[in-house]
Amino acid sequence: MIEKYHKEIGFKACHVKEALLLIEALQGQRLSFSKHSLYELSRETNCVEIGQFLRDYRLNFDDCFEIALFKGIIQKLGFRVNFNEKDVIFIISRENTIVTLWTNNKDDKHYTLRKENYSLIS
């Protein structure tokens, strides 16, 4: 079963430490895009610019909003990054593959966050 933690609900300190180590390891690897993320990217009007931006973007834990674990090991990290007039939101796997992405308006603060979909820190 996947455990998901959201920044607004809280991350466990041990997950933050693991996420920082994973981010550091991913920085030296080649980024790839899943077929799904390429499809989603192709639907964006400025898809070429977003794709190049993501290839050049250096992962930063401050941009991380979601940590997903399986059997206690981080499998995916979610990021929301400022890009021109919108924010780019993407989920990246521990294999350095962007599995999905989309854009949101900067003023969309995710008021519809479904807290029941996330684990609570204890």
Protein backbone atom coordinates (compact mmCIF):
# COMPACT_ATOMS: atom_id res chain seq x y z
CA MET A 1 0.00 0.00 0.00
CA ILE A 2 1.24 3.47 -0.91
CA GLU A 3 1.59 5.98 1.92
CA LYS A 4 1.32 9.59 0.79
CA TYR A 5 2.25 12.67 2.80
CA HIS A 6 1.40 16.26 1.85
CA LYS A 7 3.32 19.39 2.82
CA GLU A 8 0.15 21.08 4.13
CA ILE A 9 -0.60 18.13 6.41
CA GLY A 10 2.98 17.44 7.41
CA PHE A 11 6.04 15.39 6.53
CA LYS A 12 7.80 13.08 8.97
CA ALA A 13 11.37 14.17 9.77
CA CYS A 14 12.72 10.80 8.61
CA HIS A 15 10.96 11.22 5.24
CA VAL A 16 12.38 14.72 4.81
CA LYS A 17 15.88 13.35 5.42
CA GLU A 18 15.33 10.53 2.92
CA ALA A 19 13.81 12.93 0.37
CA LEU A 20 16.81 15.24 0.62
CA LEU A 21 19.17 12.31 0.00
CA LEU A 22 17.07 11.11 -2.94
CA ILE A 23 16.96 14.61 -4.47
CA GLU A 24 20.73 14.86 -4.17
CA ALA A 25 21.15 11.47 -5.90
CA LEU A 26 18.70 12.36 -8.68
CA GLN A 27 20.57 15.57 -9.53
CA GLY A 28 23.37 13.55 -11.14
CA GLN A 29 21.08 11.31 -13.21
CA ARG A 30 19.54 11.85 -16.62
CA LEU A 31 15.90 12.93 -16.44
CA SER A 32 13.34 11.05 -18.51
CA PHE A 33 9.63 11.44 -19.22
CA SER A 34 7.03 8.67 -19.11
CA LYS A 35 4.65 8.29 -22.06
CA HIS A 36 1.87 9.69 -19.89
CA SER A 37 3.87 12.78 -18.95
CA LEU A 38 4.81 13.38 -22.60
CA TYR A 39 1.13 13.19 -23.51
CA GLU A 40 0.22 15.66 -20.76
CA LEU A 41 3.10 17.92 -21.80
CA SER A 42 1.92 17.87 -25.43
CA ARG A 43 -1.43 19.31 -24.31
CA GLU A 44 0.24 22.46 -22.95
CA THR A 45 0.44 25.47 -25.30
CA ASN A 46 4.08 26.12 -24.40
CA CYS A 47 5.11 22.47 -24.17
CA VAL A 48 8.61 22.94 -25.64
CA GLU A 49 9.47 25.66 -23.11
CA ILE A 50 8.10 23.60 -20.21
CA GLY A 51 10.03 20.52 -21.35
CA GLN A 52 13.28 22.45 -21.55
CA PHE A 53 12.58 24.13 -18.21
CA LEU A 54 12.10 20.73 -16.56
CA ARG A 55 15.28 19.31 -18.13
CA ASP A 56 17.24 22.27 -16.69
CA TYR A 57 15.40 22.47 -13.34
CA ARG A 58 17.40 21.43 -10.29
CA LEU A 59 15.16 19.62 -7.81
CA ASN A 60 14.67 21.64 -4.66
CA PHE A 61 13.00 20.24 -1.55
CA ASP A 62 11.39 23.64 -0.92
CA ASP A 63 9.25 22.98 -4.03
CA CYS A 64 8.22 19.49 -2.85
CA PHE A 65 4.56 19.17 -1.84
CA GLU A 66 4.12 15.38 -1.76
CA ILE A 67 6.10 12.32 -0.70
CA ALA A 68 4.84 8.85 -1.66
CA LEU A 69 6.28 5.71 -0.07
CA PHE A 70 5.91 1.99 -0.64
CA LYS A 71 7.10 -0.33 2.13
CA GLY A 72 8.75 2.62 3.83
CA ILE A 73 10.83 3.69 0.81
CA ILE A 74 10.16 6.88 -1.14
CA GLN A 75 8.94 6.00 -4.61
CA LYS A 76 7.73 9.40 -5.86
CA LEU A 77 8.05 13.07 -5.04
CA GLY A 78 5.63 15.80 -6.11
CA PHE A 79 6.88 19.29 -6.97
CA ARG A 80 5.21 22.61 -7.72
CA VAL A 81 7.52 25.05 -9.47
CA ASN A 82 7.07 28.64 -10.58
CA PHE A 83 7.15 28.85 -14.40
CA ASN A 84 6.31 32.10 -16.20
CA GLU A 85 2.63 32.95 -15.68
CA LYS A 86 1.75 29.48 -14.34
CA ASP A 87 3.13 26.83 -12.00
CA VAL A 88 4.33 23.49 -13.32
CA ILE A 89 3.34 20.57 -11.11
CA PHE A 90 5.03 17.23 -11.65
CA ILE A 91 5.53 13.88 -10.00
CA ILE A 92 8.95 12.30 -10.33
CA SER A 93 9.91 8.71 -9.54
CA ARG A 94 13.00 7.58 -7.68
CA GLU A 95 14.29 6.48 -11.11
CA ASN A 96 14.28 10.17 -12.17
CA THR A 97 11.30 9.79 -14.50
CA ILE A 98 8.60 12.43 -14.60
CA VAL A 99 5.49 10.25 -14.43
CA THR A 100 2.91 13.01 -14.82
CA LEU A 101 2.73 16.78 -15.02
CA TRP A 102 0.30 19.63 -15.44
CA THR A 103 0.12 23.38 -15.00
CA ASN A 104 -1.97 25.44 -12.61
CA ASN A 105 -2.60 29.12 -12.20
CA LYS A 106 -0.34 30.65 -9.58
CA ASP A 107 -3.35 31.69 -7.47
CA ASP A 108 -4.72 28.13 -7.36
CA LYS A 109 -3.83 27.21 -3.78
CA HIS A 110 -5.39 23.75 -3.93
CA TYR A 111 -8.29 24.55 -1.64
CA THR A 112 -9.83 21.21 -2.57
CA LEU A 113 -7.02 19.18 -0.96
CA ARG A 114 -8.57 15.85 0.06
CA LYS A 115 -6.80 15.21 3.34
CA GLU A 116 -8.30 11.72 3.59
CA ASN A 117 -6.03 10.70 0.69
CA TYR A 118 -2.93 11.33 2.81
CA SER A 119 -1.33 9.79 5.85
CA LEU A 120 -1.10 11.86 9.00
CA ILE A 121 2.16 12.31 10.86
CA SER A 122 2.03 10.87 14.33
